[in-house]
Amino acid sequence: MEMSFMDAVRGRRTYYAIGKEQVVDIDRIQNIINEAVKHVPSAFNSQSARVVVLFDEQHNRLWDIVKAELKKIVPADKFQATEEKINGAFRSGYGSILYFEDMNVVAGLQQQFPAYKENFPVWSNQSSGMLQFTIWTALEMEGLGVSLQHYNPVIDDAVKAEWDIPDNWKLIAQMPFGKPLSQPDQKDYLPTEERTKIYK
């Protein structure tokens, strides 16, 4: 039976146990990401999102960088737990997506529309969030396990140096993915009537 949009939304979860077996063709993953980057909305159609996709050894390199940068700031007696988490939940997959926003685009909009100057960074983040959610949900529809991480700004300089990222690209989030190895925990939900008001 074909999955509906809301089925996909309900089914999207955070997977912390992922493996390196490639259960989805890389070309299919690239197509999903490209379609999302093209069609997810942005303020004033600014199209400020930038994405870097890392597979296999490039993916491993990202999480080695994360460990190396965290080792500089995490107390030695706590680093083993940090390293085990990174190895087991993130590096253990076979791909990662790096989400950036082009801040030159944001600055250009601020200059062009000064009345909205304070809003453009907010709208930029909102658009990035929509892109992250769209790709996350689409990849899980394909049978992948995905999570969303935020090791920026700790890793920003090292990531930009490793992959020759322009200075004006601001790192927003990291999204590791791989074969799901276990099911996520159950979630608790607040009553919707506490979160939504409807007037007829």
N, C-alpha and C. Protein backbone atom coordinates (compact mmCIF):
# COMPACT_ATOMS: atom_id res chain seq x y z
N MET A 1 0.84 -1.20 0.00
CA MET A 1 0.00 0.00 0.00
C MET A 1 0.88 1.24 0.00
N GLU A 2 0.54 2.20 -0.82
CA GLU A 2 1.35 3.41 -0.94
C GLU A 2 1.24 4.26 0.32
N MET A 3 2.37 4.80 0.76
CA MET A 3 2.40 5.63 1.97
C MET A 3 1.93 7.04 1.64
N SER A 4 1.04 7.57 2.48
CA SER A 4 0.59 8.95 2.30
C SER A 4 1.61 9.92 2.89
N PHE A 5 1.43 11.19 2.57
CA PHE A 5 2.34 12.20 3.12
C PHE A 5 2.31 12.20 4.64
N MET A 6 1.11 12.16 5.23
CA MET A 6 1.02 12.19 6.69
C MET A 6 1.53 10.89 7.32
N ASP A 7 1.40 9.76 6.62
CA ASP A 7 2.02 8.53 7.10
C ASP A 7 3.53 8.72 7.23
N ALA A 8 4.13 9.37 6.21
CA ALA A 8 5.58 9.60 6.22
C ALA A 8 5.97 10.54 7.34
N VAL A 9 5.15 11.56 7.58
CA VAL A 9 5.43 12.50 8.66
C VAL A 9 5.37 11.79 10.01
N ARG A 10 4.34 10.97 10.20
CA ARG A 10 4.21 10.22 11.46
C ARG A 10 5.35 9.23 11.64
N GLY A 11 5.83 8.67 10.55
CA GLY A 11 6.85 7.64 10.63
C GLY A 11 8.27 8.15 10.80
N ARG A 12 8.48 9.42 10.57
CA ARG A 12 9.83 9.97 10.68
C ARG A 12 10.27 10.00 12.13
N ARG A 13 11.42 9.38 12.39
CA ARG A 13 11.94 9.31 13.75
C ARG A 13 13.46 9.47 13.73
N THR A 14 14.05 9.58 14.92
CA THR A 14 15.50 9.66 15.06
C THR A 14 16.06 8.27 15.30
N TYR A 15 17.01 7.86 14.44
CA TYR A 15 17.65 6.55 14.56
C TYR A 15 19.08 6.73 15.04
N TYR A 16 19.39 6.13 16.19
CA TYR A 16 20.74 6.21 16.74
C TYR A 16 21.53 4.93 16.55
N ALA A 17 20.93 3.93 15.93
CA ALA A 17 21.64 2.69 15.62
C ALA A 17 21.54 2.46 14.12
N ILE A 18 22.63 2.76 13.40
CA ILE A 18 22.63 2.64 11.95
C ILE A 18 23.89 1.89 11.51
N GLY A 19 23.79 1.24 10.35
CA GLY A 19 24.92 0.46 9.85
C GLY A 19 25.36 0.92 8.47
N LYS A 20 26.47 0.35 8.00
CA LYS A 20 27.10 0.77 6.75
C LYS A 20 26.59 0.03 5.52
N GLU A 21 25.73 -0.96 5.69
CA GLU A 21 25.19 -1.65 4.51
C GLU A 21 24.31 -0.68 3.71
N GLN A 22 24.58 -0.58 2.42
CA GLN A 22 23.86 0.39 1.59
C GLN A 22 22.54 -0.21 1.13
N VAL A 23 21.47 0.20 1.78
CA VAL A 23 20.14 -0.32 1.48
C VAL A 23 19.42 0.53 0.44
N VAL A 24 19.98 1.69 0.10
CA VAL A 24 19.40 2.56 -0.92
C VAL A 24 20.52 2.98 -1.86
N ASP A 25 20.26 2.91 -3.16
CA ASP A 25 21.26 3.27 -4.15
C ASP A 25 21.68 4.73 -3.98
N ILE A 26 22.97 4.98 -4.12
CA ILE A 26 23.50 6.34 -3.94
C ILE A 26 22.86 7.33 -4.91
N ASP A 27 22.62 6.89 -6.15
CA ASP A 27 21.99 7.78 -7.12
C ASP A 27 20.59 8.18 -6.67
N ARG A 28 19.87 7.26 -6.03
CA ARG A 28 18.53 7.57 -5.53
C ARG A 28 18.62 8.60 -4.40
N ILE A 29 19.58 8.45 -3.52
CA ILE A 29 19.76 9.41 -2.43
C ILE A 29 20.09 10.78 -3.00
N GLN A 30 20.99 10.83 -3.96
CA GLN A 30 21.36 12.11 -4.56
C GLN A 30 20.17 12.77 -5.23
N ASN A 31 19.32 11.98 -5.89
CA ASN A 31 18.14 12.53 -6.56
C ASN A 31 17.17 13.13 -5.55
N ILE A 32 16.95 12.43 -4.43
CA ILE A 32 16.06 12.94 -3.38
C ILE A 32 16.57 14.27 -2.86
N ILE A 33 17.86 14.34 -2.58
CA ILE A 33 18.43 15.56 -2.03
C ILE A 33 18.33 16.70 -3.04
N ASN A 34 18.65 16.42 -4.29
CA ASN A 34 18.58 17.46 -5.32
C ASN A 34 17.16 17.99 -5.49
N GLU A 35 16.17 17.09 -5.50
CA GLU A 35 14.78 17.51 -5.64
C GLU A 35 14.34 18.37 -4.46
N ALA A 36 14.75 17.98 -3.27
CA ALA A 36 14.39 18.76 -2.07
C ALA A 36 15.04 20.14 -2.11
N VAL A 37 16.33 20.19 -2.44
CA VAL A 37 17.02 21.48 -2.52
C VAL A 37 16.33 22.40 -3.53
N LYS A 38 15.87 21.82 -4.61
CA LYS A 38 15.23 22.62 -5.67
C LYS A 38 13.86 23.14 -5.26
N HIS A 39 13.08 22.32 -4.56
CA HIS A 39 11.66 22.63 -4.39
C HIS A 39 11.26 23.12 -3.00
N VAL A 40 12.09 22.95 -1.98
CA VAL A 40 11.71 23.45 -0.65
C VAL A 40 11.71 24.98 -0.69
N PRO A 41 10.68 25.62 -0.13
CA PRO A 41 10.57 27.08 -0.25
C PRO A 41 11.59 27.83 0.58
N SER A 42 11.85 29.07 0.13
CA SER A 42 12.75 29.98 0.86
C SER A 42 12.19 31.39 0.72
N ALA A 43 12.50 32.24 1.69
CA ALA A 43 11.98 33.60 1.70
C ALA A 43 12.42 34.35 0.44
N PHE A 44 11.46 35.00 -0.23
CA PHE A 44 11.74 35.77 -1.43
C PHE A 44 12.38 34.90 -2.52
N ASN A 45 12.13 33.59 -2.45
CA ASN A 45 12.75 32.63 -3.36
C ASN A 45 14.27 32.82 -3.40
N SER A 46 14.85 33.04 -2.23
CA SER A 46 16.28 33.36 -2.15
C SER A 46 17.18 32.17 -2.45
N GLN A 47 16.66 30.94 -2.24
CA GLN A 47 17.41 29.72 -2.55
C GLN A 47 18.80 29.75 -1.90
N SER A 48 18.82 30.08 -0.61
CA SER A 48 20.08 30.26 0.11
C SER A 48 20.67 28.95 0.64
N ALA A 49 19.93 27.85 0.54
CA ALA A 49 20.42 26.57 1.07
C ALA A 49 21.59 26.05 0.24
N ARG A 50 22.56 25.50 0.93
CA ARG A 50 23.68 24.82 0.30
C ARG A 50 23.87 23.48 1.02
N VAL A 51 24.16 22.43 0.29
CA VAL A 51 24.24 21.09 0.86
C VAL A 51 25.51 20.40 0.37
N VAL A 52 26.18 19.71 1.27
CA VAL A 52 27.31 18.85 0.93
C VAL A 52 26.96 17.44 1.38
N VAL A 53 27.08 16.47 0.47
CA VAL A 53 26.75 15.09 0.78
C VAL A 53 28.02 14.25 0.78
N LEU A 54 28.23 13.52 1.85
CA LEU A 54 29.44 12.73 2.04
C LEU A 54 29.08 11.26 2.16
N PHE A 55 29.75 10.41 1.36
CA PHE A 55 29.53 8.98 1.42
C PHE A 55 30.81 8.26 1.84
N ASP A 56 30.62 7.10 2.45
CA ASP A 56 31.69 6.14 2.72
C ASP A 56 32.87 6.80 3.45
N GLU A 57 34.06 6.81 2.86
CA GLU A 57 35.24 7.32 3.56
C GLU A 57 35.15 8.82 3.83
N GLN A 58 34.48 9.56 2.96
CA GLN A 58 34.29 10.98 3.22
C GLN A 58 33.37 11.19 4.44
N HIS A 59 32.36 10.36 4.52
CA HIS A 59 31.47 10.35 5.70
C HIS A 59 32.27 10.02 6.97
N ASN A 60 33.10 8.97 6.89
CA ASN A 60 33.93 8.61 8.04
C ASN A 60 34.82 9.77 8.46
N ARG A 61 35.37 10.45 7.48
CA ARG A 61 36.26 11.58 7.76
C ARG A 61 35.54 12.67 8.54
N LEU A 62 34.28 12.93 8.20
CA LEU A 62 33.52 13.95 8.94
C LEU A 62 33.48 13.62 10.42
N TRP A 63 33.16 12.38 10.75
CA TRP A 63 32.98 12.03 12.16
C TRP A 63 34.31 11.88 12.88
N ASP A 64 35.38 11.60 12.13
CA ASP A 64 36.71 11.66 12.73
C ASP A 64 37.08 13.10 13.08
N ILE A 65 36.67 14.03 12.22
CA ILE A 65 36.88 15.46 12.51
C ILE A 65 36.10 15.87 13.76
N VAL A 66 34.85 15.43 13.84
CA VAL A 66 34.04 15.75 15.01
C VAL A 66 34.73 15.27 16.28
N LYS A 67 35.21 14.03 16.27
CA LYS A 67 35.90 13.49 17.45
C LYS A 67 37.16 14.30 17.77
N ALA A 68 37.93 14.63 16.74
CA ALA A 68 39.18 15.36 16.97
C ALA A 68 38.92 16.74 17.56
N GLU A 69 37.89 17.41 17.06
CA GLU A 69 37.58 18.76 17.56
C GLU A 69 36.99 18.69 18.98
N LEU A 70 36.17 17.70 19.24
CA LEU A 70 35.60 17.57 20.58
C LEU A 70 36.66 17.18 21.61
N LYS A 71 37.65 16.40 21.17
CA LYS A 71 38.70 15.99 22.10
C LYS A 71 39.46 17.19 22.66
N LYS A 72 39.45 18.29 21.92
CA LYS A 72 40.13 19.50 22.37
C LYS A 72 39.39 20.18 23.52
N ILE A 73 38.10 19.91 23.66
CA ILE A 73 37.29 20.65 24.63
C ILE A 73 36.59 19.77 25.66
N VAL A 74 36.44 18.47 25.37
CA VAL A 74 35.76 17.57 26.31
C VAL A 74 36.78 17.07 27.33
N PRO A 75 36.46 17.11 28.64
CA PRO A 75 37.39 16.58 29.64
C PRO A 75 37.79 15.14 29.34
N ALA A 76 39.06 14.82 29.60
CA ALA A 76 39.60 13.51 29.23
C ALA A 76 38.79 12.36 29.82
N ASP A 77 38.29 12.53 31.04
CA ASP A 77 37.57 11.43 31.68
C ASP A 77 36.16 11.24 31.11
N LYS A 78 35.71 12.16 30.29
CA LYS A 78 34.39 12.04 29.67
C LYS A 78 34.47 11.77 28.17
N PHE A 79 35.66 11.79 27.61
CA PHE A 79 35.76 11.70 26.15
C PHE A 79 35.43 10.31 25.64
N GLN A 80 35.72 9.26 26.40
CA GLN A 80 35.43 7.90 25.91
C GLN A 80 33.95 7.74 25.60
N ALA A 81 33.08 8.24 26.46
CA ALA A 81 31.64 8.14 26.22
C ALA A 81 31.25 8.93 24.97
N THR A 82 31.87 10.10 24.79
CA THR A 82 31.61 10.92 23.60
C THR A 82 32.02 10.17 22.34
N GLU A 83 33.21 9.58 22.37
CA GLU A 83 33.73 8.85 21.21
C GLU A 83 32.85 7.65 20.88
N GLU A 84 32.40 6.92 21.90
CA GLU A 84 31.55 5.76 21.68
C GLU A 84 30.22 6.16 21.06
N LYS A 85 29.67 7.29 21.50
CA LYS A 85 28.41 7.77 20.93
C LYS A 85 28.58 8.12 19.46
N ILE A 86 29.66 8.83 19.13
CA ILE A 86 29.89 9.22 17.74
C ILE A 86 30.12 8.01 16.86
N ASN A 87 30.93 7.07 17.33
CA ASN A 87 31.21 5.87 16.54
C ASN A 87 29.97 5.01 16.35
N GLY A 88 29.16 4.89 17.40
CA GLY A 88 28.04 3.98 17.36
C GLY A 88 26.78 4.51 16.73
N ALA A 89 26.59 5.82 16.77
CA ALA A 89 25.33 6.39 16.30
C ALA A 89 25.45 7.18 15.01
N PHE A 90 26.65 7.64 14.68
CA PHE A 90 26.82 8.54 13.53
C PHE A 90 27.83 8.00 12.52
N ARG A 91 29.05 7.76 12.96
CA ARG A 91 30.08 7.24 12.04
C ARG A 91 29.73 5.84 11.55
N SER A 92 28.90 5.14 12.28
CA SER A 92 28.53 3.77 11.93
C SER A 92 27.65 3.69 10.68
N GLY A 93 27.12 4.83 10.22
CA GLY A 93 26.35 4.85 8.98
C GLY A 93 27.27 4.92 7.78
N TYR A 94 26.68 5.17 6.59
CA TYR A 94 27.52 5.24 5.39
C TYR A 94 27.39 6.56 4.65
N GLY A 95 26.65 7.51 5.22
CA GLY A 95 26.56 8.81 4.57
C GLY A 95 26.16 9.88 5.55
N SER A 96 26.50 11.12 5.20
CA SER A 96 26.10 12.29 6.00
C SER A 96 25.79 13.45 5.06
N ILE A 97 24.85 14.26 5.48
CA ILE A 97 24.52 15.48 4.76
C ILE A 97 24.88 16.66 5.64
N LEU A 98 25.61 17.60 5.08
CA LEU A 98 25.94 18.85 5.76
C LEU A 98 25.04 19.94 5.21
N TYR A 99 24.33 20.62 6.09
CA TYR A 99 23.44 21.70 5.69
C TYR A 99 24.10 23.04 5.97
N PHE A 100 24.12 23.89 4.96
CA PHE A 100 24.68 25.23 5.08
C PHE A 100 23.65 26.25 4.60
N GLU A 101 23.85 27.50 5.00
CA GLU A 101 23.14 28.63 4.42
C GLU A 101 24.18 29.61 3.87
N ASP A 102 23.94 30.10 2.67
CA ASP A 102 24.84 31.07 2.04
C ASP A 102 24.54 32.46 2.61
N MET A 103 25.41 32.94 3.49
CA MET A 103 25.14 34.19 4.18
C MET A 103 25.32 35.41 3.27
N ASN A 104 25.98 35.24 2.14
CA ASN A 104 26.03 36.34 1.16
C ASN A 104 24.65 36.60 0.58
N VAL A 105 23.89 35.53 0.37
CA VAL A 105 22.51 35.69 -0.11
C VAL A 105 21.67 36.41 0.93
N VAL A 106 21.83 36.01 2.19
CA VAL A 106 21.07 36.64 3.28
C VAL A 106 21.43 38.11 3.39
N ALA A 107 22.72 38.43 3.34
CA ALA A 107 23.16 39.82 3.44
C ALA A 107 22.65 40.64 2.25
N GLY A 108 22.62 40.04 1.07
CA GLY A 108 22.10 40.74 -0.10
C GLY A 108 20.64 41.10 0.06
N LEU A 109 19.86 40.20 0.62
CA LEU A 109 18.45 40.49 0.86
C LEU A 109 18.28 41.58 1.93
N GLN A 110 19.13 41.56 2.92
CA GLN A 110 19.08 42.60 3.95
C GLN A 110 19.33 43.98 3.37
N GLN A 111 20.25 44.05 2.43
CA GLN A 111 20.54 45.33 1.78
C GLN A 111 19.42 45.75 0.84
N GLN A 112 18.83 44.77 0.15
CA GLN A 112 17.80 45.07 -0.83
C GLN A 112 16.47 45.43 -0.17
N PHE A 113 16.19 44.82 0.98
CA PHE A 113 14.92 45.04 1.67
C PHE A 113 15.20 45.38 3.13
N PRO A 114 15.71 46.58 3.41
CA PRO A 114 16.13 46.92 4.78
C PRO A 114 15.01 46.87 5.81
N ALA A 115 13.77 47.02 5.39
CA ALA A 115 12.66 46.97 6.34
C ALA A 115 12.54 45.59 7.00
N TYR A 116 13.04 44.57 6.31
CA TYR A 116 12.97 43.20 6.82
C TYR A 116 14.34 42.69 7.27
N LYS A 117 15.28 43.59 7.47
CA LYS A 117 16.67 43.20 7.73
C LYS A 117 16.81 42.17 8.84
N GLU A 118 16.11 42.39 9.96
CA GLU A 118 16.25 41.49 11.10
C GLU A 118 15.62 40.13 10.85
N ASN A 119 14.71 40.07 9.90
CA ASN A 119 13.99 38.82 9.67
C ASN A 119 14.73 37.83 8.77
N PHE A 120 15.58 38.33 7.89
CA PHE A 120 16.16 37.42 6.90
C PHE A 120 17.00 36.29 7.50
N PRO A 121 17.81 36.51 8.55
CA PRO A 121 18.49 35.36 9.16
C PRO A 121 17.52 34.34 9.76
N VAL A 122 16.41 34.83 10.32
CA VAL A 122 15.39 33.94 10.88
C VAL A 122 14.75 33.13 9.76
N TRP A 123 14.37 33.81 8.69
CA TRP A 123 13.74 33.11 7.57
C TRP A 123 14.70 32.12 6.92
N SER A 124 15.96 32.46 6.89
CA SER A 124 16.98 31.55 6.37
C SER A 124 17.00 30.25 7.18
N ASN A 125 17.00 30.37 8.50
CA ASN A 125 16.99 29.18 9.36
C ASN A 125 15.70 28.38 9.20
N GLN A 126 14.58 29.09 9.04
CA GLN A 126 13.32 28.38 8.85
C GLN A 126 13.34 27.57 7.57
N SER A 127 13.86 28.14 6.50
CA SER A 127 13.95 27.43 5.23
C SER A 127 14.87 26.21 5.35
N SER A 128 15.99 26.38 6.06
CA SER A 128 16.89 25.25 6.27
C SER A 128 16.20 24.14 7.05
N GLY A 129 15.42 24.52 8.05
CA GLY A 129 14.68 23.51 8.81
C GLY A 129 13.70 22.74 7.95
N MET A 130 13.02 23.44 7.04
CA MET A 130 12.10 22.75 6.13
C MET A 130 12.85 21.78 5.22
N LEU A 131 14.03 22.20 4.76
CA LEU A 131 14.83 21.33 3.90
C LEU A 131 15.29 20.09 4.67
N GLN A 132 15.75 20.29 5.89
CA GLN A 132 16.20 19.17 6.71
C GLN A 132 15.06 18.17 6.93
N PHE A 133 13.89 18.69 7.28
CA PHE A 133 12.75 17.82 7.54
C PHE A 133 12.33 17.07 6.28
N THR A 134 12.32 17.74 5.15
CA THR A 134 11.91 17.11 3.90
C THR A 134 12.84 15.97 3.54
N ILE A 135 14.16 16.22 3.58
CA ILE A 135 15.12 15.18 3.24
C ILE A 135 15.08 14.05 4.25
N TRP A 136 15.01 14.39 5.52
CA TRP A 136 14.94 13.39 6.59
C TRP A 136 13.78 12.44 6.35
N THR A 137 12.59 13.01 6.12
CA THR A 137 11.40 12.19 5.92
C THR A 137 11.51 11.36 4.65
N ALA A 138 12.00 11.96 3.58
CA ALA A 138 12.12 11.25 2.31
C ALA A 138 13.10 10.09 2.40
N LEU A 139 14.22 10.29 3.08
CA LEU A 139 15.19 9.20 3.22
C LEU A 139 14.63 8.06 4.06
N GLU A 140 13.87 8.38 5.10
CA GLU A 140 13.29 7.31 5.90
C GLU A 140 12.20 6.56 5.14
N MET A 141 11.51 7.25 4.22
CA MET A 141 10.55 6.56 3.36
C MET A 141 11.24 5.51 2.49
N GLU A 142 12.52 5.73 2.21
CA GLU A 142 13.29 4.79 1.40
C GLU A 142 13.86 3.63 2.23
N GLY A 143 13.66 3.67 3.55
CA GLY A 143 14.12 2.60 4.41
C GLY A 143 15.41 2.89 5.15
N LEU A 144 15.86 4.14 5.13
CA LEU A 144 17.07 4.52 5.85
C LEU A 144 16.76 4.97 7.27
N GLY A 145 17.75 4.84 8.15
CA GLY A 145 17.68 5.41 9.48
C GLY A 145 18.48 6.71 9.50
N VAL A 146 17.91 7.75 10.07
CA VAL A 146 18.48 9.10 9.97
C VAL A 146 18.41 9.78 11.33
N SER A 147 19.36 10.68 11.60
CA SER A 147 19.26 11.57 12.74
C SER A 147 19.80 12.94 12.34
N LEU A 148 19.54 13.92 13.18
CA LEU A 148 20.00 15.29 12.92
C LEU A 148 20.88 15.74 14.08
N GLN A 149 22.09 16.23 13.76
CA GLN A 149 23.06 16.60 14.78
C GLN A 149 23.53 18.05 14.57
N HIS A 150 24.06 18.62 15.66
CA HIS A 150 24.50 20.02 15.62
C HIS A 150 25.83 20.16 16.37
N TYR A 151 26.91 19.82 15.69
CA TYR A 151 28.24 19.99 16.28
C TYR A 151 28.88 21.30 15.83
N ASN A 152 28.16 22.08 15.10
CA ASN A 152 28.59 23.44 14.78
C ASN A 152 28.33 24.33 16.01
N PRO A 153 29.14 25.33 16.27
CA PRO A 153 30.26 25.83 15.48
C PRO A 153 31.61 25.16 15.81
N VAL A 154 31.61 24.14 16.66
CA VAL A 154 32.88 23.52 17.09
C VAL A 154 33.67 23.00 15.89
N ILE A 155 32.95 22.43 14.92
CA ILE A 155 33.64 21.79 13.80
C ILE A 155 33.72 22.65 12.55
N ASP A 156 33.20 23.87 12.59
CA ASP A 156 33.04 24.68 11.37
C ASP A 156 34.35 24.87 10.60
N ASP A 157 35.37 25.33 11.28
CA ASP A 157 36.63 25.64 10.59
C ASP A 157 37.26 24.39 9.99
N ALA A 158 37.24 23.30 10.73
CA ALA A 158 37.85 22.06 10.24
C ALA A 158 37.08 21.51 9.04
N VAL A 159 35.75 21.60 9.08
CA VAL A 159 34.93 21.13 7.96
C VAL A 159 35.19 21.97 6.72
N LYS A 160 35.24 23.28 6.89
CA LYS A 160 35.48 24.16 5.74
C LYS A 160 36.85 23.90 5.13
N ALA A 161 37.84 23.65 5.96
CA ALA A 161 39.19 23.38 5.45
C ALA A 161 39.24 22.03 4.73
N GLU A 162 38.56 21.02 5.27
CA GLU A 162 38.62 19.67 4.69
C GLU A 162 37.97 19.61 3.31
N TRP A 163 36.84 20.29 3.14
CA TRP A 163 36.10 20.17 1.89
C TRP A 163 36.06 21.47 1.09
N ASP A 164 36.95 22.40 1.41
CA ASP A 164 37.07 23.64 0.66
C ASP A 164 35.74 24.38 0.54
N ILE A 165 35.10 24.55 1.70
CA ILE A 165 33.79 25.20 1.77
C ILE A 165 33.99 26.72 1.79
N PRO A 166 33.24 27.48 1.00
CA PRO A 166 33.37 28.94 1.02
C PRO A 166 33.11 29.52 2.41
N ASP A 167 33.81 30.58 2.74
CA ASP A 167 33.67 31.21 4.05
C ASP A 167 32.25 31.71 4.31
N ASN A 168 31.55 32.08 3.25
CA ASN A 168 30.21 32.65 3.41
C ASN A 168 29.13 31.59 3.60
N TRP A 169 29.50 30.31 3.55
CA TRP A 169 28.53 29.25 3.86
C TRP A 169 28.57 28.99 5.36
N LYS A 170 27.44 29.13 6.00
CA LYS A 170 27.32 28.91 7.44
C LYS A 170 26.78 27.50 7.69
N LEU A 171 27.53 26.71 8.47
CA LEU A 171 27.10 25.35 8.78
C LEU A 171 25.93 25.38 9.76
N ILE A 172 24.86 24.68 9.40
CA ILE A 172 23.65 24.67 10.22
C ILE A 172 23.45 23.35 10.95
N ALA A 173 23.68 22.23 10.26
CA ALA A 173 23.39 20.92 10.87
C ALA A 173 24.08 19.82 10.11
N GLN A 174 24.15 18.65 10.75
CA GLN A 174 24.74 17.46 10.15
C GLN A 174 23.72 16.31 10.27
N MET A 175 23.57 15.53 9.19
CA MET A 175 22.56 14.48 9.15
C MET A 175 23.18 13.15 8.72
N PRO A 176 23.60 12.31 9.68
CA PRO A 176 24.10 10.98 9.32
C PRO A 176 22.95 10.03 9.00
N PHE A 177 23.21 9.09 8.08
CA PHE A 177 22.18 8.10 7.73
C PHE A 177 22.84 6.76 7.41
N GLY A 178 22.04 5.70 7.52
CA GLY A 178 22.53 4.36 7.23
C GLY A 178 21.41 3.36 7.37
N LYS A 179 21.77 2.09 7.34
CA LYS A 179 20.77 1.03 7.51
C LYS A 179 20.29 1.03 8.96
N PRO A 180 18.98 1.07 9.19
CA PRO A 180 18.49 1.01 10.58
C PRO A 180 18.80 -0.35 11.21
N LEU A 181 19.37 -0.31 12.40
CA LEU A 181 19.72 -1.55 13.09
C LEU A 181 18.79 -1.85 14.25
N SER A 182 18.02 -0.89 14.68
CA SER A 182 17.02 -1.10 15.73
C SER A 182 15.96 -0.02 15.61
N GLN A 183 14.84 -0.27 16.23
CA GLN A 183 13.74 0.68 16.17
C GLN A 183 13.93 1.79 17.21
N PRO A 184 13.52 3.01 16.88
CA PRO A 184 13.61 4.09 17.87
C PRO A 184 12.66 3.84 19.05
N ASP A 185 12.96 4.53 20.16
CA ASP A 185 12.08 4.44 21.33
C ASP A 185 10.73 5.07 21.03
N GLN A 186 9.74 4.69 21.82
CA GLN A 186 8.42 5.30 21.71
C GLN A 186 8.48 6.77 22.12
N LYS A 187 7.62 7.57 21.53
CA LYS A 187 7.55 9.00 21.87
C LYS A 187 6.28 9.28 22.65
N ASP A 188 6.38 10.25 23.56
CA ASP A 188 5.19 10.76 24.24
C ASP A 188 4.76 12.05 23.57
N TYR A 189 3.45 12.26 23.49
CA TYR A 189 2.92 13.44 22.82
C TYR A 189 2.00 14.21 23.77
N LEU A 190 2.18 15.50 23.81
CA LEU A 190 1.24 16.34 24.52
C LEU A 190 -0.10 16.32 23.80
N PRO A 191 -1.21 16.50 24.52
CA PRO A 191 -2.51 16.58 23.84
C PRO A 191 -2.50 17.71 22.82
N THR A 192 -3.00 17.43 21.63
CA THR A 192 -2.97 18.45 20.57
C THR A 192 -3.78 19.69 20.95
N GLU A 193 -4.81 19.50 21.79
CA GLU A 193 -5.62 20.66 22.17
C GLU A 193 -4.84 21.65 23.04
N GLU A 194 -3.72 21.20 23.63
CA GLU A 194 -2.87 22.12 24.38
C GLU A 194 -1.94 22.91 23.46
N ARG A 195 -1.82 22.48 22.20
CA ARG A 195 -0.86 23.09 21.30
C ARG A 195 -1.49 23.77 20.10
N THR A 196 -2.77 23.50 19.88
CA THR A 196 -3.43 24.02 18.68
C THR A 196 -4.76 24.66 19.08
N LYS A 197 -5.00 25.86 18.57
CA LYS A 197 -6.29 26.53 18.75
C LYS A 197 -6.96 26.64 17.39
N ILE A 198 -8.23 26.23 17.32
CA ILE A 198 -8.97 26.29 16.09
C ILE A 198 -10.26 27.07 16.33
N TYR A 199 -10.52 28.04 15.46
CA TYR A 199 -11.71 28.87 15.58
C TYR A 199 -12.55 28.69 14.32
N LYS A 200 -13.84 28.42 14.52
CA LYS A 200 -14.74 28.19 13.38
C LYS A 200 -15.84 29.25 13.36
